[in-house]
Each structure stands twice: as structure tokens, then as C-alpha cells.
Amino acid sequence: MAAREGVMKSSKFGNLLTSLYPIVDPGGSDSAAFDNVLELLVVNGVVTLPEAVMMMIPEAWQNQPGMDPHKRAFYEWASCLMEAWDGPALFTFSDGRYIGASLDRNGLRPCRVYILEGDIMVCASEVGTLNIAPETVVSKGRLQPGKMLLVDTVEGRVVDDEELKMNVSRRRPYGRWVEDYRITLKAIKESVMQSGRFRPRAVDEASILYDTRMIAFGFNLEHLNMVVKPMVKVFIK
């Protein structure tokens, strides 16, 4: 988020946008950092609270061939703008109208849900948090990985996860945006090869362990193995 501050724009805040920096409070916890970013997305007025949560906490979509193409396109578009927040984490949120909870796609945090008579919902990480008379229970269950529990207080109902996400994913042409504006490594490789500008680089004698350029550009061995190496493999195939 600190890197994004250099290129961030907002028609709502205009020149006052810099007064919001730093977006993430450097002294806050992981949960506070999440809250800072979620608040920014919502108060900017472009996306609703459920949309912002979907952007920040996506389902496992990349290896799901049966997923609806509209929903896949939304997550693919969102992945170009925002890295996924993976836990293990259970997120709860509210903006006055919507009240909800969402599990990250790993689903390693439990979330139990009880709906009681009198339009009462209990959501907690464990069963037994409150003493509940069994005869008052209308339904009960658990939140699944990547799913969202959402109550719309204006409509007075619990919004189905699939209904919510299908409505959001069909609201804008996310698939066309991804197709028209995304630049892939494969496309870059083809462009460079066709242009005739490709020149092989000779490997110098500098050791990775003692290369000062690693420090200058903020790289470590994990970055090389997890980020740079997969990118290089695309070019040498």
C-alpha cells in the first residue's frame, strides 16, 4: 500500500488524497492494516462494502474450472489491483447497512453461525460462546473457506453467498477489462522476440549472497525463488 501511494488517484478526494497518507498506520496490527485499506476502498465511493471485501478476500478461483466465468473474471480483475489477504483469518465487518463475515480461502479459522427466532444471528469462532436455548434455533451451520456471510438490514434478510457474488460480478464488464488491458509475460515475450530487440545477457561474477544490488532494490532469496524465478521460466521455455 505504501508503494501504491505514489500512483494513487481519486476523483472524490482530488488533491486532498495525500492527506490520507499513510493509508496503513505503521504502528497498527495486521487487523488494523486490513481495516485501513477496506475503509479507503469503501469511503472512496466506487465499490460497496461487499464488493471491497470480495476484492480483498477472494475465493480460491485460479484452479476452479467449474466457477462461473463472470465470477472468475471479477476475481481475476481484482487480483490485478489488490493482492489477496490470506490468513488464517476470519473477518467481520459492518457499515451500518451491511453486517457480515468472511473467511479467507484457506479456511483455517472456524466460524459458526446460528440464526435464532426473533431475527437474531450469532456468529462466533466456537460453538457455546453464548448459552442458547435449542428450541429457539432456526438454523445453524459454519462459514466455508472463501465464502461470505452477509445480512442486509435494509432488505431485512441474509443474502445468499452465490446470489451476492453473481450480482456483483455481473455489474461491470470485468472479463472485457481483463482481456483488453492486462499485459502478460507471454505477450511481452512475443513482442520482444518479434521486434528483434532481444539480447541475451551474460552472467557476471557477482554472488547473490554478496550482491549489493539485492539490498539496493530490496530483494532477498525468497523474492528470487518465489517471484523472479517463475517469471524467468516463462521466457526460457
C-alpha atoms as a PDB file:
ATOM      1  CA  MET A   1       0.000   0.000   0.000  1.00  0.00           C
ATOM      2  CA  ALA A   2       2.916   2.358   0.631  1.00  0.00           C
ATOM      3  CA  ALA A   3       4.095   1.746  -2.946  1.00  0.00           C
ATOM      4  CA  ARG A   4       0.609   2.468  -4.309  1.00  0.00           C
ATOM      5  CA  GLU A   5       0.538   5.899  -2.665  1.00  0.00           C
ATOM      6  CA  GLY A   6       2.868   7.186  -5.384  1.00  0.00           C
ATOM      7  CA  VAL A   7       0.379   6.460  -8.197  1.00  0.00           C
ATOM      8  CA  MET A   8      -2.952   6.590  -6.372  1.00  0.00           C
ATOM      9  CA  LYS A   9      -5.701   8.850  -7.741  1.00  0.00           C
ATOM     10  CA  SER A  10      -9.239   9.625  -6.590  1.00  0.00           C
ATOM     11  CA  SER A  11     -11.885  11.824  -8.206  1.00  0.00           C
ATOM     12  CA  LYS A  12     -13.620  12.003  -4.819  1.00  0.00           C
ATOM     13  CA  PHE A  13     -10.670  13.266  -2.757  1.00  0.00           C
ATOM     14  CA  GLY A  14      -8.742  15.024  -5.534  1.00  0.00           C
ATOM     15  CA  ASN A  15      -5.760  16.977  -4.211  1.00  0.00           C
ATOM     16  CA  LEU A  16      -6.734  16.086  -0.649  1.00  0.00           C
ATOM     17  CA  LEU A  17      -5.850  12.432  -1.229  1.00  0.00           C
ATOM     18  CA  THR A  18      -2.336  12.891   0.138  1.00  0.00           C
ATOM     19  CA  SER A  19      -3.815  13.946   3.470  1.00  0.00           C
ATOM     20  CA  LEU A  20      -4.921  10.306   3.900  1.00  0.00           C
ATOM     21  CA  TYR A  21      -1.337   9.034   3.733  1.00  0.00           C
ATOM     22  CA  PRO A  22      -0.053   6.761   5.067  1.00  0.00           C
ATOM     23  CA  ILE A  23      -3.017   4.579   4.112  1.00  0.00           C
ATOM     24  CA  VAL A  24      -1.847   1.904   6.536  1.00  0.00           C
ATOM     25  CA  ASP A  25      -0.956   3.029  10.042  1.00  0.00           C
ATOM     26  CA  PRO A  26       2.625   1.773  10.520  1.00  0.00           C
ATOM     27  CA  GLY A  27       2.021   1.193  14.225  1.00  0.00           C
ATOM     28  CA  GLY A  28      -1.133  -0.861  13.771  1.00  0.00           C
ATOM     29  CA  SER A  29      -1.739  -4.598  13.811  1.00  0.00           C
ATOM     30  CA  ASP A  30      -2.444  -6.836  10.822  1.00  0.00           C
ATOM     31  CA  SER A  31      -6.169  -6.415  11.502  1.00  0.00           C
ATOM     32  CA  ALA A  32      -5.774  -2.634  11.662  1.00  0.00           C
ATOM     33  CA  ALA A  33      -3.958  -2.651   8.311  1.00  0.00           C
ATOM     34  CA  PHE A  34      -6.823  -4.581   6.751  1.00  0.00           C
ATOM     35  CA  ASP A  35      -9.311  -2.124   8.246  1.00  0.00           C
ATOM     36  CA  ASN A  36      -7.347   0.850   6.873  1.00  0.00           C
ATOM     37  CA  VAL A  37      -7.443  -0.499   3.316  1.00  0.00           C
ATOM     38  CA  LEU A  38     -11.072  -1.620   3.491  1.00  0.00           C
ATOM     39  CA  GLU A  39     -12.116   1.794   4.766  1.00  0.00           C
ATOM     40  CA  LEU A  40     -10.263   3.524   1.910  1.00  0.00           C
ATOM     41  CA  LEU A  41     -11.971   1.378  -0.732  1.00  0.00           C
ATOM     42  CA  VAL A  42     -15.437   1.966   0.716  1.00  0.00           C
ATOM     43  CA  VAL A  43     -15.255   5.713   1.505  1.00  0.00           C
ATOM     44  CA  ASN A  44     -13.912   6.390  -1.994  1.00  0.00           C
ATOM     45  CA  GLY A  45     -17.427   5.548  -3.166  1.00  0.00           C
ATOM     46  CA  VAL A  46     -16.546   3.344  -6.158  1.00  0.00           C
ATOM     47  CA  VAL A  47     -17.291  -0.063  -4.620  1.00  0.00           C
ATOM     48  CA  THR A  48     -19.727  -1.170  -1.935  1.00  0.00           C
ATOM     49  CA  LEU A  49     -18.628  -2.855   1.279  1.00  0.00           C
ATOM     50  CA  PRO A  50     -19.382  -6.401  -0.001  1.00  0.00           C
ATOM     51  CA  GLU A  51     -17.504  -5.665  -3.253  1.00  0.00           C
ATOM     52  CA  ALA A  52     -14.483  -4.367  -1.333  1.00  0.00           C
ATOM     53  CA  VAL A  53     -14.441  -7.479   0.845  1.00  0.00           C
ATOM     54  CA  MET A  54     -14.630  -9.676  -2.265  1.00  0.00           C
ATOM     55  CA  MET A  55     -11.664  -7.792  -3.740  1.00  0.00           C
ATOM     56  CA  MET A  56      -9.561  -8.174  -0.611  1.00  0.00           C
ATOM     57  CA  ILE A  57     -10.577 -11.717   0.375  1.00  0.00           C
ATOM     58  CA  PRO A  58     -11.176 -13.692  -2.839  1.00  0.00           C
ATOM     59  CA  GLU A  59     -12.253 -17.273  -3.162  1.00  0.00           C
ATOM     60  CA  ALA A  60      -9.799 -19.842  -4.494  1.00  0.00           C
ATOM     61  CA  TRP A  61     -10.598 -19.162  -8.152  1.00  0.00           C
ATOM     62  CA  GLN A  62      -7.490 -19.919 -10.214  1.00  0.00           C
ATOM     63  CA  ASN A  63      -7.859 -23.697 -10.293  1.00  0.00           C
ATOM     64  CA  GLN A  64     -11.651 -23.869 -10.230  1.00  0.00           C
ATOM     65  CA  PRO A  65     -12.776 -24.828 -13.763  1.00  0.00           C
ATOM     66  CA  GLY A  66     -16.404 -25.079 -12.683  1.00  0.00           C
ATOM     67  CA  MET A  67     -16.619 -21.494 -11.419  1.00  0.00           C
ATOM     68  CA  ASP A  68     -18.984 -19.168 -13.263  1.00  0.00           C
ATOM     69  CA  PRO A  69     -16.937 -17.196 -15.835  1.00  0.00           C
ATOM     70  CA  HIS A  70     -18.340 -13.854 -14.651  1.00  0.00           C
ATOM     71  CA  LYS A  71     -17.240 -14.510 -11.085  1.00  0.00           C
ATOM     72  CA  ARG A  72     -13.853 -15.769 -12.256  1.00  0.00           C
ATOM     73  CA  ALA A  73     -13.441 -12.578 -14.317  1.00  0.00           C
ATOM     74  CA  PHE A  74     -14.189 -10.435 -11.261  1.00  0.00           C
ATOM     75  CA  TYR A  75     -11.567 -12.195  -9.152  1.00  0.00           C
ATOM     76  CA  GLU A  76      -9.052 -12.064 -11.986  1.00  0.00           C
ATOM     77  CA  TRP A  77      -9.655  -8.322 -12.371  1.00  0.00           C
ATOM     78  CA  ALA A  78      -9.408  -7.786  -8.607  1.00  0.00           C
ATOM     79  CA  SER A  79      -6.133  -9.742  -8.464  1.00  0.00           C
ATOM     80  CA  CYS A  80      -4.594  -7.146 -10.789  1.00  0.00           C
ATOM     81  CA  LEU A  81      -5.465  -4.392  -8.306  1.00  0.00           C
ATOM     82  CA  MET A  82      -5.161  -5.992  -4.890  1.00  0.00           C
ATOM     83  CA  GLU A  83      -3.164  -8.899  -3.525  1.00  0.00           C
ATOM     84  CA  ALA A  84      -5.266 -11.432  -1.639  1.00  0.00           C
ATOM     85  CA  TRP A  85      -5.355 -11.209   2.143  1.00  0.00           C
ATOM     86  CA  ASP A  86      -4.798 -14.761   3.309  1.00  0.00           C
ATOM     87  CA  GLY A  87      -4.964 -15.813   6.902  1.00  0.00           C
ATOM     88  CA  PRO A  88      -5.719 -17.888   8.682  1.00  0.00           C
ATOM     89  CA  ALA A  89      -8.245 -15.142   9.304  1.00  0.00           C
ATOM     90  CA  LEU A  90     -11.937 -14.554   9.996  1.00  0.00           C
ATOM     91  CA  PHE A  91     -13.049 -11.043   9.052  1.00  0.00           C
ATOM     92  CA  THR A  92     -16.158  -9.322  10.396  1.00  0.00           C
ATOM     93  CA  PHE A  93     -17.397  -6.007   9.052  1.00  0.00           C
ATOM     94  CA  SER A  94     -20.268  -3.527   9.044  1.00  0.00           C
ATOM     95  CA  ASP A  95     -21.089  -0.139   7.555  1.00  0.00           C
ATOM     96  CA  GLY A  96     -24.471   0.453   9.163  1.00  0.00           C
ATOM     97  CA  ARG A  97     -26.433  -1.286   6.413  1.00  0.00           C
ATOM     98  CA  TYR A  98     -24.456  -4.449   5.814  1.00  0.00           C
ATOM     99  CA  ILE A  99     -23.229  -6.721   8.590  1.00  0.00           C
ATOM    100  CA  GLY A 100     -21.128  -9.660   7.577  1.00  0.00           C
ATOM    101  CA  ALA A 101     -18.251 -12.028   7.977  1.00  0.00           C
ATOM    102  CA  SER A 102     -15.876 -13.720   5.571  1.00  0.00           C
ATOM    103  CA  LEU A 103     -13.263 -16.441   5.770  1.00  0.00           C
ATOM    104  CA  ASP A 104     -10.097 -16.335   3.726  1.00  0.00           C
ATOM    105  CA  ARG A 105      -9.741 -19.013   1.047  1.00  0.00           C
ATOM    106  CA  ASN A 106      -7.594 -21.253   3.235  1.00  0.00           C
ATOM    107  CA  GLY A 107     -10.449 -21.545   5.724  1.00  0.00           C
ATOM    108  CA  LEU A 108      -8.268 -22.378   8.710  1.00  0.00           C
ATOM    109  CA  ARG A 109     -10.273 -20.190  11.115  1.00  0.00           C
ATOM    110  CA  PRO A 110     -13.611 -21.622  12.285  1.00  0.00           C
ATOM    111  CA  CYS A 111     -16.797 -19.563  12.078  1.00  0.00           C
ATOM    112  CA  ARG A 112     -20.056 -20.949  13.485  1.00  0.00           C
ATOM    113  CA  VAL A 113     -23.377 -19.324  12.651  1.00  0.00           C
ATOM    114  CA  TYR A 114     -26.714 -19.650  14.457  1.00  0.00           C
ATOM    115  CA  ILE A 115     -29.954 -17.982  13.327  1.00  0.00           C
ATOM    116  CA  LEU A 116     -32.468 -17.727  16.137  1.00  0.00           C
ATOM    117  CA  GLU A 117     -36.105 -16.804  16.479  1.00  0.00           C
ATOM    118  CA  GLY A 118     -36.731 -13.087  16.656  1.00  0.00           C
ATOM    119  CA  ASP A 119     -34.310 -12.298  13.801  1.00  0.00           C
ATOM    120  CA  ILE A 120     -31.197 -12.826  15.907  1.00  0.00           C
ATOM    121  CA  MET A 121     -27.952 -14.102  14.444  1.00  0.00           C
ATOM    122  CA  VAL A 122     -24.988 -15.343  16.449  1.00  0.00           C
ATOM    123  CA  CYS A 123     -21.643 -15.578  14.677  1.00  0.00           C
ATOM    124  CA  ALA A 124     -18.585 -16.729  16.621  1.00  0.00           C
ATOM    125  CA  SER A 125     -15.414 -18.753  16.210  1.00  0.00           C
ATOM    126  CA  GLU A 126     -16.707 -21.506  18.514  1.00  0.00           C
ATOM    127  CA  VAL A 127     -19.932 -23.232  19.448  1.00  0.00           C
ATOM    128  CA  GLY A 128     -21.002 -22.425  23.010  1.00  0.00           C
ATOM    129  CA  THR A 129     -19.942 -18.785  23.074  1.00  0.00           C
ATOM    130  CA  LEU A 130     -23.436 -17.956  24.332  1.00  0.00           C
ATOM    131  CA  ASN A 131     -25.993 -20.084  26.154  1.00  0.00           C
ATOM    132  CA  ILE A 132     -28.741 -20.601  23.585  1.00  0.00           C
ATOM    133  CA  ALA A 133     -31.990 -22.484  24.163  1.00  0.00           C
ATOM    134  CA  PRO A 134     -32.097 -25.222  21.469  1.00  0.00           C
ATOM    135  CA  GLU A 135     -35.782 -24.631  20.769  1.00  0.00           C
ATOM    136  CA  THR A 136     -35.030 -21.067  19.600  1.00  0.00           C
ATOM    137  CA  VAL A 137     -32.600 -22.194  16.884  1.00  0.00           C
ATOM    138  CA  VAL A 138     -33.993 -21.768  13.362  1.00  0.00           C
ATOM    139  CA  SER A 139     -30.846 -22.875  11.548  1.00  0.00           C
ATOM    140  CA  LYS A 140     -27.158 -23.346  12.199  1.00  0.00           C
ATOM    141  CA  GLY A 141     -24.014 -24.036  10.226  1.00  0.00           C
ATOM    142  CA  ARG A 142     -20.492 -22.868   9.547  1.00  0.00           C
ATOM    143  CA  LEU A 143     -18.913 -20.412   7.166  1.00  0.00           C
ATOM    144  CA  GLN A 144     -16.882 -22.134   4.450  1.00  0.00           C
ATOM    145  CA  PRO A 145     -13.498 -21.053   3.013  1.00  0.00           C
ATOM    146  CA  GLY A 146     -13.778 -18.017   0.756  1.00  0.00           C
ATOM    147  CA  LYS A 147     -17.490 -17.589   1.470  1.00  0.00           C
ATOM    148  CA  MET A 148     -19.239 -14.524   2.819  1.00  0.00           C
ATOM    149  CA  LEU A 149     -21.992 -14.250   5.399  1.00  0.00           C
ATOM    150  CA  LEU A 150     -23.956 -11.060   4.736  1.00  0.00           C
ATOM    151  CA  VAL A 151     -27.007  -9.500   6.384  1.00  0.00           C
ATOM    152  CA  ASP A 152     -28.693  -6.636   4.548  1.00  0.00           C
ATOM    153  CA  THR A 153     -30.540  -4.658   7.241  1.00  0.00           C
ATOM    154  CA  VAL A 154     -32.365  -2.538   4.651  1.00  0.00           C
ATOM    155  CA  GLU A 155     -33.867  -5.571   2.900  1.00  0.00           C
ATOM    156  CA  GLY A 156     -34.104  -7.443   6.197  1.00  0.00           C
ATOM    157  CA  ARG A 157     -32.583 -10.710   5.034  1.00  0.00           C
ATOM    158  CA  VAL A 158     -29.499 -12.882   4.908  1.00  0.00           C
ATOM    159  CA  VAL A 159     -28.055 -12.571   1.399  1.00  0.00           C
ATOM    160  CA  ASP A 160     -27.036 -15.868  -0.187  1.00  0.00           C
ATOM    161  CA  ASP A 161     -23.308 -16.018  -0.961  1.00  0.00           C
ATOM    162  CA  GLU A 162     -23.785 -17.155  -4.557  1.00  0.00           C
ATOM    163  CA  GLU A 163     -26.529 -14.592  -5.209  1.00  0.00           C
ATOM    164  CA  LEU A 164     -24.374 -11.787  -3.826  1.00  0.00           C
ATOM    165  CA  LYS A 165     -21.285 -12.689  -5.828  1.00  0.00           C
ATOM    166  CA  MET A 166     -23.140 -13.273  -9.071  1.00  0.00           C
ATOM    167  CA  ASN A 167     -24.834  -9.867  -8.766  1.00  0.00           C
ATOM    168  CA  VAL A 168     -21.501  -8.182  -8.086  1.00  0.00           C
ATOM    169  CA  SER A 169     -19.619  -9.995 -10.861  1.00  0.00           C
ATOM    170  CA  ARG A 170     -22.268  -9.142 -13.491  1.00  0.00           C
ATOM    171  CA  ARG A 171     -22.420  -5.466 -12.540  1.00  0.00           C
ATOM    172  CA  ARG A 172     -19.473  -4.437 -14.743  1.00  0.00           C
ATOM    173  CA  PRO A 173     -17.659  -5.977 -17.759  1.00  0.00           C
ATOM    174  CA  TYR A 174     -14.733  -7.373 -15.738  1.00  0.00           C
ATOM    175  CA  GLY A 175     -13.936 -10.046 -18.311  1.00  0.00           C
ATOM    176  CA  ARG A 176     -13.587  -7.492 -21.110  1.00  0.00           C
ATOM    177  CA  TRP A 177     -11.447  -5.237 -18.911  1.00  0.00           C
ATOM    178  CA  VAL A 178      -9.061  -8.108 -18.200  1.00  0.00           C
ATOM    179  CA  GLU A 179      -8.909  -9.069 -21.866  1.00  0.00           C
ATOM    180  CA  ASP A 180      -8.371  -5.507 -23.125  1.00  0.00           C
ATOM    181  CA  TYR A 181      -5.970  -4.106 -20.547  1.00  0.00           C
ATOM    182  CA  ARG A 182      -3.974  -6.910 -18.972  1.00  0.00           C
ATOM    183  CA  ILE A 183      -0.387  -7.335 -20.173  1.00  0.00           C
ATOM    184  CA  THR A 184       1.051 -10.822 -19.636  1.00  0.00           C
ATOM    185  CA  LEU A 185       4.648 -12.016 -19.620  1.00  0.00           C
ATOM    186  CA  LYS A 186       3.796 -14.230 -22.586  1.00  0.00           C
ATOM    187  CA  ALA A 187       2.676 -11.199 -24.593  1.00  0.00           C
ATOM    188  CA  ILE A 188       5.812  -9.278 -23.610  1.00  0.00           C
ATOM    189  CA  LYS A 189       7.995 -12.203 -24.674  1.00  0.00           C
ATOM    190  CA  GLU A 190       6.283 -12.454 -28.059  1.00  0.00           C
ATOM    191  CA  SER A 191       6.604  -8.697 -28.590  1.00  0.00           C
ATOM    192  CA  VAL A 192      10.304  -8.657 -27.723  1.00  0.00           C
ATOM    193  CA  MET A 193      11.077 -11.677 -29.914  1.00  0.00           C
ATOM    194  CA  GLN A 194       9.248 -10.187 -32.899  1.00  0.00           C
ATOM    195  CA  SER A 195      10.886  -6.781 -32.504  1.00  0.00           C
ATOM    196  CA  GLY A 196      14.382  -8.181 -32.773  1.00  0.00           C
ATOM    197  CA  ARG A 197      15.455  -6.302 -29.651  1.00  0.00           C
ATOM    198  CA  PHE A 198      16.105  -9.414 -27.580  1.00  0.00           C
ATOM    199  CA  ARG A 199      19.724  -9.698 -26.480  1.00  0.00           C
ATOM    200  CA  PRO A 200      20.975 -12.459 -24.212  1.00  0.00           C
ATOM    201  CA  ARG A 201      22.672 -11.208 -21.055  1.00  0.00           C
ATOM    202  CA  ALA A 202      25.978 -12.578 -19.874  1.00  0.00           C
ATOM    203  CA  VAL A 203      26.062 -13.728 -16.251  1.00  0.00           C
ATOM    204  CA  ASP A 204      28.511 -11.663 -14.216  1.00  0.00           C
ATOM    205  CA  GLU A 205      30.701 -12.877 -11.374  1.00  0.00           C
ATOM    206  CA  ALA A 206      28.691 -11.301  -8.537  1.00  0.00           C
ATOM    207  CA  SER A 207      27.477 -13.765  -5.905  1.00  0.00           C
ATOM    208  CA  ILE A 208      23.823 -13.492  -4.935  1.00  0.00           C
ATOM    209  CA  LEU A 209      24.766 -13.574  -1.265  1.00  0.00           C
ATOM    210  CA  TYR A 210      27.079 -10.562  -1.600  1.00  0.00           C
ATOM    211  CA  ASP A 211      25.481  -8.650  -4.480  1.00  0.00           C
ATOM    212  CA  THR A 212      24.790  -5.102  -3.226  1.00  0.00           C
ATOM    213  CA  ARG A 213      22.132  -4.679  -5.910  1.00  0.00           C
ATOM    214  CA  MET A 214      19.986  -7.133  -3.968  1.00  0.00           C
ATOM    215  CA  ILE A 215      19.998  -4.772  -1.000  1.00  0.00           C
ATOM    216  CA  ALA A 216      19.563  -1.654  -3.151  1.00  0.00           C
ATOM    217  CA  PHE A 217      16.401  -2.990  -4.772  1.00  0.00           C
ATOM    218  CA  GLY A 218      15.016  -4.710  -1.664  1.00  0.00           C
ATOM    219  CA  PHE A 219      15.348  -8.282  -2.934  1.00  0.00           C
ATOM    220  CA  ASN A 220      16.097 -11.383  -0.903  1.00  0.00           C
ATOM    221  CA  LEU A 221      16.368 -15.082  -1.746  1.00  0.00           C
ATOM    222  CA  GLU A 222      12.651 -15.619  -1.194  1.00  0.00           C
ATOM    223  CA  HIS A 223      11.839 -12.947  -3.788  1.00  0.00           C
ATOM    224  CA  LEU A 224      14.190 -14.596  -6.282  1.00  0.00           C
ATOM    225  CA  ASN A 225      12.765 -18.068  -5.753  1.00  0.00           C
ATOM    226  CA  MET A 226       9.071 -17.162  -5.447  1.00  0.00           C
ATOM    227  CA  VAL A 227       8.752 -14.188  -7.820  1.00  0.00           C
ATOM    228  CA  VAL A 228      11.692 -13.764 -10.201  1.00  0.00           C
ATOM    229  CA  LYS A 229      12.361 -17.437 -10.951  1.00  0.00           C
ATOM    230  CA  PRO A 230       8.798 -18.210 -12.165  1.00  0.00           C
ATOM    231  CA  MET A 231       8.935 -15.093 -14.376  1.00  0.00           C
ATOM    232  CA  VAL A 232      12.241 -16.166 -15.906  1.00  0.00           C
ATOM    233  CA  LYS A 233      10.857 -19.621 -16.674  1.00  0.00           C
ATOM    234  CA  VAL A 234       8.211 -18.002 -18.889  1.00  0.00           C
ATOM    235  CA  PHE A 235      10.945 -16.516 -21.077  1.00  0.00           C
ATOM    236  CA  ILE A 236      13.207 -19.535 -21.356  1.00  0.00           C
ATOM    237  CA  LYS A 237      10.501 -22.030 -22.367  1.00  0.00           C
END
